[in-house]
Amino acid sequence: MLAVLLLRAVWDVDIFWQLRLGELILAAGRPILREPFAITHLGEPMPAIAWLGQAGFAAVRQAFGWSGLRVFDGLCWCGGFWAVAAACRRQGATAAGVVLALGLGMIAALPAASIRPQSYAALCFGALLALLKLNLKAWQTVALGFPLLILWQNLHPSASIAVVALGVHGLAGWIAWYRDRQQARPLAATILTPLALLALVLTPDGFAGFAASARNAQASIAVGASEWLPLWIPDNFKNAVPVVVVALLTLRSAWRQRDALSCSDLAIMMALLVLTVTAYRFVLFWAIATVPVIASASKQEAGSRHTPWAIMLASLALVAITLPLIQPTRFSDNLPLAAVARLKQTPAQGTVFTEPEFAGVLLDEGYPRWHVSYDGRYYRYTDDEWGRYGQILDGSFGLRAIERLYHPAAFVLRPSHSRALSQALDRPGSGWQRIWSDPGTAVWIPRRSRS
């Protein structure tokens, strides 16, 4: 699993500004609560979303470069699967069942895998499910689970998934207990559910984090971010295929071994499947939740088994060390790395008018020399600003209006996407000169500038 992740190119456009923000957090020694990047909002209050995760990623990159960050992220991402798989194995699931569960879970989640703070959430979610499966005493589970939930919410603002999982786990457990009083009562999940709600506000944002999360969801849906939209939209058809296949195989496995299956495991998996169908961004959590359903449905093995930890850890270390050497870090063609490198050779300083997808690389390479007009934080900008961006794309908000509002020092655009603005910049007398062009990106600076 780790090898597959390490062979993939870095493609997420937002990891770059998150790394730059993480570096600012490390330098300040605290969360950054005032806007540093967006020219139209400089100095305004800013939610500290995923602040601890961003700082952690930045620290790893500073220490070990992109190769180290790839390994670290991969271990976190895979760790969520491994944690719950290890708990299933400890409870007697067969090795074959565990391997099948891990393989199917990875197939479902792999299209969305990239370096980003959600990998922390995968690790925390898998650890939570593993904790529930270990059948510790209720106070022990709560004592371990509550700090985990607080850490999760500060690493990545998705501990609301824990609220859903714990609530469903507890409800299914109480129903099973009501039907058969020999079943254990789900006290730990019942106690942890309200504590998970409390963990949502134990961040630098406090209760304001709810408004920030709601705004992020609303803005992301409004701009058509596919991960926030259901599987049945055309942009998600390709992503829906592995989800549908794995879901059918998981349900078939659960039905065939229904007598051996935990109702709580099945309930969590089904709840997250519903969330995934309605919004693709939940696929990673659902994929992890399929592991105990598939693994626990396999034939149970009695008796203790020797676990070759030394061989397992040595193999893992071998992959983590050799794969980055064999396959150095590759960046997807959708990232404007060459264009930004060209812009850095110019004296351009100030606001770079760009598309949201390009802002991350610009900020990572050029802040504080550069600020940006838009970036991938959809919640950062108002509905009016997103409406204006639509007008810029259709040409009704023209070049001169952009100059008056943003005072740009340069433009970095996709001409195929920003056709009207690109054509205006290329017109004789526009005052701008194109200094870079490749199949996906173009860069303009003022004609009076020397490059």
Protein backbone atom coordinates (compact mmCIF):
# COMPACT_ATOMS: atom_id res chain seq x y z
CA MET A 1 0.00 0.00 0.00
CA LEU A 2 2.77 2.42 0.89
CA ALA A 3 4.65 1.61 -2.30
CA VAL A 4 1.60 2.40 -4.42
CA LEU A 5 1.23 5.79 -2.75
CA LEU A 6 4.91 6.63 -3.15
CA LEU A 7 4.77 5.88 -6.86
CA ARG A 8 2.00 8.44 -7.42
CA ALA A 9 2.65 12.03 -8.48
CA VAL A 10 1.84 14.97 -6.21
CA TRP A 11 -1.32 16.46 -7.69
CA ASP A 12 -3.28 18.28 -4.99
CA VAL A 13 -3.10 22.01 -5.69
CA ASP A 14 -3.86 23.12 -2.13
CA ILE A 15 -1.01 21.34 -0.34
CA PHE A 16 1.37 24.09 -1.45
CA TRP A 17 -0.35 26.98 0.33
CA GLN A 18 -0.94 24.71 3.32
CA LEU A 19 2.78 24.03 3.54
CA ARG A 20 3.55 27.74 3.30
CA LEU A 21 0.99 28.48 5.99
CA GLY A 22 2.48 25.69 8.09
CA GLU A 23 5.88 27.35 7.84
CA LEU A 24 4.37 30.61 9.09
CA ILE A 25 2.80 28.73 12.01
CA LEU A 26 6.16 27.16 12.89
CA ALA A 27 7.92 30.52 12.69
CA ALA A 28 5.29 32.21 14.89
CA GLY A 29 4.98 29.28 17.28
CA ARG A 30 1.19 29.56 17.20
CA PRO A 31 -1.77 29.41 14.79
CA ILE A 32 -2.00 32.20 12.24
CA LEU A 33 -5.29 34.00 12.87
CA ARG A 34 -4.94 36.91 10.40
CA GLU A 35 -5.08 36.55 6.64
CA PRO A 36 -1.59 36.60 5.05
CA PHE A 37 -2.23 35.60 1.43
CA ALA A 38 -5.41 36.96 -0.20
CA ILE A 39 -4.92 40.57 -1.30
CA THR A 40 -8.58 41.49 -0.80
CA HIS A 41 -8.62 40.21 2.78
CA LEU A 42 -5.16 40.94 4.17
CA GLY A 43 -5.19 41.25 7.95
CA GLU A 44 -8.75 40.04 8.36
CA PRO A 45 -9.57 37.29 10.88
CA MET A 46 -8.86 33.84 9.47
CA PRO A 47 -10.02 30.45 10.81
CA ALA A 48 -7.21 28.15 11.94
CA ILE A 49 -8.46 25.18 9.93
CA ALA A 50 -6.05 22.20 10.13
CA TRP A 51 -3.40 24.41 11.73
CA LEU A 52 -1.63 21.59 13.56
CA GLY A 53 -1.64 19.35 10.50
CA GLN A 54 -0.20 22.13 8.34
CA ALA A 55 2.54 22.80 10.87
CA GLY A 56 3.35 19.09 11.04
CA PHE A 57 3.62 18.75 7.28
CA ALA A 58 5.77 21.88 7.04
CA ALA A 59 8.12 20.59 9.74
CA VAL A 60 8.57 17.29 7.93
CA ARG A 61 9.28 18.99 4.60
CA GLN A 62 11.78 21.35 6.21
CA ALA A 63 13.59 18.41 7.79
CA PHE A 64 13.36 15.77 5.06
CA GLY A 65 12.22 17.48 1.86
CA TRP A 66 9.45 16.30 -0.44
CA SER A 67 10.61 12.68 -0.27
CA GLY A 68 10.28 12.64 3.50
CA LEU A 69 6.89 14.33 3.29
CA ARG A 70 5.65 11.72 0.83
CA VAL A 71 6.68 8.91 3.17
CA PHE A 72 5.20 10.63 6.22
CA ASP A 73 1.91 11.33 4.48
CA GLY A 74 1.77 7.78 3.12
CA LEU A 75 2.32 6.29 6.57
CA CYS A 76 -0.50 8.43 8.00
CA TRP A 77 -2.87 7.55 5.13
CA CYS A 78 -2.12 3.84 5.26
CA GLY A 79 -1.97 3.89 9.04
CA GLY A 80 -5.71 4.40 9.28
CA PHE A 81 -6.28 1.17 7.36
CA TRP A 82 -3.54 -0.69 9.19
CA ALA A 83 -4.74 0.26 12.67
CA VAL A 84 -8.23 -1.16 12.26
CA ALA A 85 -6.91 -4.15 10.29
CA ALA A 86 -4.53 -4.99 13.15
CA ALA A 87 -7.43 -4.84 15.60
CA CYS A 88 -9.45 -7.21 13.41
CA ARG A 89 -6.50 -9.59 13.16
CA ARG A 90 -6.12 -9.49 16.94
CA GLN A 91 -9.76 -10.51 17.26
CA GLY A 92 -9.19 -13.57 15.08
CA ALA A 93 -9.82 -12.45 11.50
CA THR A 94 -7.78 -14.51 9.04
CA ALA A 95 -4.73 -13.08 7.35
CA ALA A 96 -6.41 -13.61 3.97
CA GLY A 97 -9.51 -11.75 5.13
CA VAL A 98 -7.44 -8.83 6.39
CA VAL A 99 -5.43 -8.63 3.16
CA LEU A 100 -8.65 -8.70 1.10
CA ALA A 101 -10.14 -5.95 3.25
CA LEU A 102 -7.08 -3.75 2.91
CA GLY A 103 -6.91 -4.29 -0.83
CA LEU A 104 -10.55 -3.45 -1.48
CA GLY A 105 -10.45 -0.47 0.87
CA MET A 106 -7.44 0.95 -0.91
CA ILE A 107 -9.02 0.47 -4.33
CA ALA A 108 -12.01 2.52 -3.20
CA ALA A 109 -9.98 5.37 -1.69
CA LEU A 110 -6.94 5.53 -4.00
CA PRO A 111 -8.38 8.01 -6.57
CA ALA A 112 -8.63 10.64 -3.83
CA ALA A 113 -5.20 9.93 -2.28
CA SER A 114 -2.72 12.78 -2.29
CA ILE A 115 -0.51 14.60 0.17
CA ARG A 116 -2.85 16.66 2.33
CA PRO A 117 -3.93 16.94 5.99
CA GLN A 118 -6.83 14.54 5.40
CA SER A 119 -4.22 11.79 5.78
CA TYR A 120 -4.04 12.68 9.47
CA ALA A 121 -7.80 12.21 9.67
CA ALA A 122 -7.47 8.77 8.10
CA LEU A 123 -4.98 7.76 10.77
CA CYS A 124 -7.13 9.11 13.60
CA PHE A 125 -10.31 7.50 12.27
CA GLY A 126 -8.64 4.12 11.86
CA ALA A 127 -7.20 4.40 15.37
CA LEU A 128 -10.66 5.21 16.75
CA LEU A 129 -12.24 2.19 15.06
CA ALA A 130 -9.39 0.02 16.30
CA LEU A 131 -9.89 1.32 19.82
CA LEU A 132 -13.57 0.41 19.71
CA LYS A 133 -12.75 -3.10 18.50
CA LEU A 134 -10.20 -3.84 21.21
CA ASN A 135 -12.98 -4.22 23.78
CA LEU A 136 -11.09 -2.46 26.54
CA LYS A 137 -12.84 -1.31 29.67
CA ALA A 138 -15.09 1.67 29.00
CA TRP A 139 -12.98 4.10 31.04
CA GLN A 140 -9.83 3.01 29.20
CA THR A 141 -11.43 3.52 25.80
CA VAL A 142 -12.70 6.95 26.83
CA ALA A 143 -9.35 7.93 28.35
CA LEU A 144 -7.58 7.08 25.10
CA GLY A 145 -10.33 8.19 22.75
CA PHE A 146 -10.98 11.74 23.97
CA PRO A 147 -7.40 13.02 23.48
CA LEU A 148 -7.39 11.30 20.09
CA LEU A 149 -10.52 13.24 19.08
CA ILE A 150 -9.05 16.57 20.18
CA LEU A 151 -5.85 15.86 18.28
CA TRP A 152 -7.85 14.82 15.21
CA GLN A 153 -9.88 18.04 15.08
CA ASN A 154 -6.74 20.18 15.28
CA LEU A 155 -4.89 18.14 12.67
CA HIS A 156 -7.84 18.16 10.28
CA PRO A 157 -11.36 19.57 10.89
CA SER A 158 -13.23 16.34 10.25
CA ALA A 159 -13.77 14.89 13.72
CA SER A 160 -17.48 15.31 12.99
CA ILE A 161 -17.04 11.94 11.25
CA ALA A 162 -16.24 10.54 14.69
CA VAL A 163 -19.53 11.94 16.00
CA VAL A 164 -21.38 10.04 13.26
CA ALA A 165 -19.37 6.84 13.72
CA LEU A 166 -19.60 6.81 17.50
CA GLY A 167 -23.30 7.65 17.49
CA VAL A 168 -24.10 4.92 14.99
CA HIS A 169 -21.84 2.44 16.80
CA GLY A 170 -23.56 3.17 20.09
CA LEU A 171 -27.06 3.00 18.67
CA ALA A 172 -26.40 -0.34 16.94
CA GLY A 173 -24.77 -1.65 20.10
CA TRP A 174 -27.74 -0.75 22.29
CA ILE A 175 -30.14 -2.37 19.84
CA ALA A 176 -28.04 -5.55 19.89
CA TRP A 177 -27.97 -5.46 23.71
CA TYR A 178 -31.72 -4.95 23.89
CA ARG A 179 -32.25 -8.02 21.74
CA ASP A 180 -29.68 -10.11 23.58
CA ARG A 181 -28.69 -9.07 27.11
CA GLN A 182 -25.60 -11.25 26.82
CA GLN A 183 -24.14 -8.66 24.45
CA ALA A 184 -21.84 -6.02 25.91
CA ARG A 185 -23.34 -2.60 26.39
CA PRO A 186 -21.67 0.07 24.22
CA LEU A 187 -20.79 2.36 27.12
CA ALA A 188 -17.55 3.66 25.62
CA ALA A 189 -19.15 4.77 22.35
CA THR A 190 -22.08 6.28 24.24
CA ILE A 191 -19.77 8.36 26.45
CA LEU A 192 -17.44 9.32 23.60
CA THR A 193 -20.22 10.62 21.33
CA PRO A 194 -20.84 13.85 23.30
CA LEU A 195 -17.11 14.13 23.95
CA ALA A 196 -16.56 14.04 20.19
CA LEU A 197 -18.96 16.96 19.89
CA LEU A 198 -16.96 18.79 22.57
CA ALA A 199 -13.72 18.08 20.70
CA LEU A 200 -15.07 19.99 17.71
CA VAL A 201 -14.75 23.26 19.64
CA LEU A 202 -11.45 22.51 21.41
CA THR A 203 -9.49 24.32 18.71
CA PRO A 204 -8.20 27.90 18.37
CA ASP A 205 -11.47 28.77 16.58
CA GLY A 206 -13.77 27.45 19.30
CA PHE A 207 -17.44 27.69 18.38
CA ALA A 208 -16.55 29.88 15.38
CA GLY A 209 -15.23 26.74 13.76
CA PHE A 210 -18.81 25.66 13.03
CA ALA A 211 -19.42 28.79 10.97
CA ALA A 212 -16.11 28.32 9.15
CA SER A 213 -16.95 24.69 8.31
CA ALA A 214 -20.44 25.62 7.15
CA ARG A 215 -19.06 28.40 4.96
CA ASN A 216 -16.45 26.05 3.50
CA ALA A 217 -19.12 23.51 2.58
CA GLN A 218 -21.46 26.14 1.14
CA ALA A 219 -18.75 27.85 -0.90
CA SER A 220 -17.27 24.56 -2.15
CA ILE A 221 -20.65 23.37 -3.38
CA ALA A 222 -21.39 26.76 -4.93
CA VAL A 223 -18.20 26.73 -7.02
CA GLY A 224 -18.79 23.13 -8.06
CA ALA A 225 -15.92 21.38 -6.26
CA SER A 226 -16.52 17.76 -7.29
CA GLU A 227 -15.42 16.22 -3.98
CA TRP A 228 -18.28 18.03 -2.27
CA LEU A 229 -20.83 16.77 -4.78
CA PRO A 230 -22.62 13.40 -5.09
CA LEU A 231 -21.32 10.41 -6.99
CA TRP A 232 -24.02 10.63 -9.63
CA ILE A 233 -22.79 13.89 -11.19
CA PRO A 234 -20.81 13.42 -14.44
CA ASP A 235 -17.54 14.71 -12.93
CA ASN A 236 -17.67 11.93 -10.33
CA PHE A 237 -18.65 9.02 -12.59
CA LYS A 238 -15.06 7.81 -12.79
CA ASN A 239 -14.69 7.99 -9.01
CA ALA A 240 -18.00 6.21 -8.52
CA VAL A 241 -16.88 3.02 -10.27
CA PRO A 242 -14.50 1.72 -7.55
CA VAL A 243 -16.94 2.83 -4.85
CA VAL A 244 -19.81 0.87 -6.39
CA VAL A 245 -17.66 -2.23 -6.99
CA VAL A 246 -16.20 -2.26 -3.48
CA ALA A 247 -19.59 -1.52 -1.91
CA LEU A 248 -21.20 -4.48 -3.69
CA LEU A 249 -18.37 -6.81 -2.72
CA THR A 250 -18.48 -5.59 0.88
CA LEU A 251 -22.23 -6.07 1.16
CA ARG A 252 -21.97 -9.52 -0.42
CA SER A 253 -19.28 -10.50 2.09
CA ALA A 254 -21.35 -9.13 4.97
CA TRP A 255 -24.46 -11.05 3.87
CA ARG A 256 -22.63 -14.35 3.47
CA GLN A 257 -21.07 -14.09 6.94
CA ARG A 258 -23.84 -12.12 8.65
CA ASP A 259 -23.85 -14.30 11.75
CA ALA A 260 -20.20 -13.48 12.47
CA LEU A 261 -20.49 -9.78 11.68
CA SER A 262 -20.64 -6.97 14.23
CA CYS A 263 -23.82 -4.90 13.79
CA SER A 264 -21.90 -1.82 14.92
CA ASP A 265 -19.22 -2.29 12.24
CA LEU A 266 -21.88 -2.71 9.57
CA ALA A 267 -23.84 0.31 10.80
CA ILE A 268 -20.77 2.58 10.62
CA MET A 269 -19.92 1.34 7.15
CA MET A 270 -23.46 1.91 5.88
CA ALA A 271 -23.72 5.38 7.41
CA LEU A 272 -20.46 6.43 5.76
CA LEU A 273 -21.52 4.86 2.47
CA VAL A 274 -24.57 7.13 2.48
CA LEU A 275 -22.32 10.13 3.15
CA THR A 276 -19.95 9.09 0.37
CA VAL A 277 -22.74 8.73 -2.17
CA THR A 278 -23.96 12.24 -1.34
CA ALA A 279 -20.45 13.80 -1.20
CA TYR A 280 -17.37 12.05 -2.59
CA ARG A 281 -15.05 13.70 -0.04
CA PHE A 282 -16.09 11.10 2.56
CA VAL A 283 -14.76 8.17 0.53
CA LEU A 284 -11.56 7.76 2.55
CA PHE A 285 -13.46 7.32 5.81
CA TRP A 286 -15.90 4.91 4.21
CA ALA A 287 -13.06 2.88 2.72
CA ILE A 288 -11.47 2.50 6.17
CA ALA A 289 -14.86 1.52 7.63
CA THR A 290 -15.16 -1.33 5.10
CA VAL A 291 -12.06 -3.04 6.55
CA PRO A 292 -13.68 -4.45 9.72
CA VAL A 293 -16.78 -5.50 7.77
CA ILE A 294 -14.81 -7.50 5.21
CA ALA A 295 -12.11 -8.78 7.57
CA SER A 296 -14.48 -9.76 10.36
CA ALA A 297 -16.69 -11.62 7.91
CA SER A 298 -13.81 -13.98 7.16
CA LYS A 299 -13.44 -17.27 8.99
CA GLN A 300 -12.28 -16.68 12.54
CA GLU A 301 -9.09 -18.34 13.74
CA ALA A 302 -8.85 -19.60 17.29
CA GLY A 303 -5.77 -19.42 19.45
CA SER A 304 -2.85 -17.04 19.54
CA ARG A 305 -0.62 -16.50 16.53
CA HIS A 306 2.91 -15.23 16.27
CA THR A 307 3.09 -11.89 14.51
CA PRO A 308 6.42 -11.35 12.68
CA TRP A 309 6.74 -7.70 13.71
CA ALA A 310 10.46 -7.54 12.95
CA ILE A 311 9.93 -8.70 9.37
CA MET A 312 6.94 -6.40 8.90
CA LEU A 313 8.75 -3.30 10.18
CA ALA A 314 11.89 -4.13 8.21
CA SER A 315 9.85 -4.50 5.03
CA LEU A 316 8.08 -1.22 5.70
CA ALA A 317 11.40 0.55 6.31
CA LEU A 318 12.79 -0.92 3.11
CA VAL A 319 9.90 0.48 1.08
CA ALA A 320 10.01 3.86 2.84
CA ILE A 321 13.75 4.27 2.20
CA THR A 322 14.22 2.75 -1.26
CA LEU A 323 11.07 3.87 -3.11
CA PRO A 324 11.84 7.62 -2.88
CA LEU A 325 15.32 6.85 -4.26
CA ILE A 326 13.98 4.75 -7.11
CA GLN A 327 11.10 7.12 -7.83
CA PRO A 328 11.94 10.72 -6.87
CA THR A 329 9.10 13.13 -6.24
CA ARG A 330 7.02 13.76 -9.35
CA PHE A 331 4.57 16.62 -9.72
CA SER A 332 1.46 16.45 -11.84
CA ASP A 333 1.29 18.40 -15.07
CA ASN A 334 -1.65 20.38 -13.66
CA LEU A 335 0.75 22.29 -11.37
CA PRO A 336 2.29 25.48 -12.85
CA LEU A 337 5.79 24.83 -11.51
CA ALA A 338 7.70 25.87 -14.65
CA ALA A 339 5.57 28.99 -15.11
CA VAL A 340 6.11 30.09 -11.53
CA ALA A 341 9.84 29.43 -11.82
CA ARG A 342 9.89 31.75 -14.85
CA LEU A 343 7.98 34.44 -12.99
CA LYS A 344 10.48 34.30 -10.13
CA GLN A 345 13.17 35.42 -12.58
CA THR A 346 11.36 38.72 -13.09
CA PRO A 347 11.14 41.71 -10.72
CA ALA A 348 7.37 41.21 -10.35
CA GLN A 349 6.32 41.94 -6.77
CA GLY A 350 2.85 42.43 -5.34
CA THR A 351 -0.40 40.82 -6.38
CA VAL A 352 -0.37 37.96 -8.85
CA PHE A 353 -3.77 37.67 -10.45
CA THR A 354 -4.31 33.96 -10.89
CA GLU A 355 -6.80 31.16 -10.88
CA PRO A 356 -7.55 29.40 -7.58
CA GLU A 357 -5.79 26.20 -8.69
CA PHE A 358 -2.49 28.01 -9.31
CA ALA A 359 -2.33 30.10 -6.15
CA GLY A 360 -0.87 27.37 -3.94
CA VAL A 361 2.33 27.01 -5.96
CA LEU A 362 2.66 30.80 -6.24
CA LEU A 363 2.37 31.25 -2.48
CA ASP A 364 4.71 28.39 -1.67
CA GLU A 365 7.36 29.76 -4.02
CA GLY A 366 6.83 33.50 -3.68
CA TYR A 367 5.21 34.62 -0.43
CA PRO A 368 5.69 37.30 0.98
CA ARG A 369 6.94 38.72 -2.30
CA TRP A 370 3.62 37.78 -3.88
CA HIS A 371 0.02 37.83 -2.75
CA VAL A 372 -2.82 36.34 -4.76
CA SER A 373 -6.23 37.34 -6.05
CA TYR A 374 -7.89 33.96 -5.44
CA ASP A 375 -6.80 30.63 -4.01
CA GLY A 376 -8.24 27.21 -3.21
CA ARG A 377 -9.77 28.24 0.13
CA TYR A 378 -13.28 28.65 -1.17
CA TYR A 379 -14.51 29.81 2.24
CA ARG A 380 -12.04 32.72 2.23
CA TYR A 381 -13.87 34.66 -0.48
CA THR A 382 -17.36 36.11 -0.45
CA ASP A 383 -20.16 35.10 -2.79
CA ASP A 384 -19.74 38.47 -4.52
CA GLU A 385 -16.07 37.72 -5.14
CA TRP A 386 -16.89 34.33 -6.63
CA GLY A 387 -19.55 36.02 -8.73
CA ARG A 388 -16.93 38.49 -9.93
CA TYR A 389 -14.63 35.59 -10.79
CA GLY A 390 -17.38 34.20 -13.00
CA GLN A 391 -17.67 37.60 -14.69
CA ILE A 392 -13.91 37.62 -15.27
CA LEU A 393 -14.15 34.24 -16.96
CA ASP A 394 -16.96 35.34 -19.27
CA GLY A 395 -15.29 38.68 -20.01
CA SER A 396 -17.89 40.98 -18.50
CA PHE A 397 -15.41 42.10 -15.81
CA GLY A 398 -12.57 43.20 -18.04
CA LEU A 399 -8.84 43.77 -17.82
CA ARG A 400 -9.04 47.47 -16.89
CA ALA A 401 -11.49 46.73 -14.08
CA ILE A 402 -9.15 44.03 -12.78
CA GLU A 403 -6.24 46.49 -12.88
CA ARG A 404 -8.20 49.10 -10.92
CA LEU A 405 -9.30 46.60 -8.26
CA TYR A 406 -6.28 44.33 -7.83
CA HIS A 407 -3.32 46.40 -9.12
CA PRO A 408 -1.72 43.19 -10.41
CA ALA A 409 2.04 42.83 -10.81
CA ALA A 410 1.60 39.72 -12.99
CA PHE A 411 -0.96 37.28 -14.34
CA VAL A 412 -0.65 33.49 -14.22
CA LEU A 413 -3.56 31.86 -16.05
CA ARG A 414 -4.81 28.89 -18.01
CA PRO A 415 -5.62 30.45 -21.40
CA SER A 416 -7.99 27.59 -22.18
CA HIS A 417 -10.01 28.46 -19.08
CA SER A 418 -9.58 32.24 -18.81
CA ARG A 419 -10.02 32.87 -22.53
CA ALA A 420 -11.44 36.38 -22.41
CA LEU A 421 -8.82 37.71 -20.01
CA SER A 422 -5.97 35.96 -21.83
CA GLN A 423 -7.05 37.46 -25.14
CA ALA A 424 -7.28 40.92 -23.56
CA LEU A 425 -3.76 40.60 -22.15
CA ASP A 426 -2.38 39.56 -25.56
CA ARG A 427 -3.95 42.47 -27.46
CA PRO A 428 -1.59 45.17 -28.73
CA GLY A 429 -1.69 48.14 -26.41
CA SER A 430 -2.83 46.13 -23.40
CA GLY A 431 0.31 47.08 -21.51
CA TRP A 432 1.16 43.43 -20.80
CA GLN A 433 3.59 40.99 -22.37
CA ARG A 434 3.43 37.21 -22.31
CA ILE A 435 6.76 35.84 -21.05
CA TRP A 436 5.81 32.19 -20.65
CA SER A 437 3.52 29.78 -22.38
CA ASP A 438 3.15 26.01 -22.22
CA PRO A 439 0.22 23.72 -23.02
CA GLY A 440 -1.55 24.60 -19.77
CA THR A 441 -0.20 27.88 -18.44
CA ALA A 442 0.77 31.41 -19.48
CA VAL A 443 2.44 34.25 -17.60
CA TRP A 444 2.17 37.99 -18.25
CA ILE A 445 4.08 40.89 -16.70
CA PRO A 446 3.81 44.64 -17.42
CA ARG A 447 5.39 45.51 -20.74
CA ARG A 448 7.66 48.02 -19.11
CA SER A 449 9.18 45.34 -16.84
CA ARG A 450 12.53 43.76 -17.67
CA SER A 451 12.67 40.00 -17.28
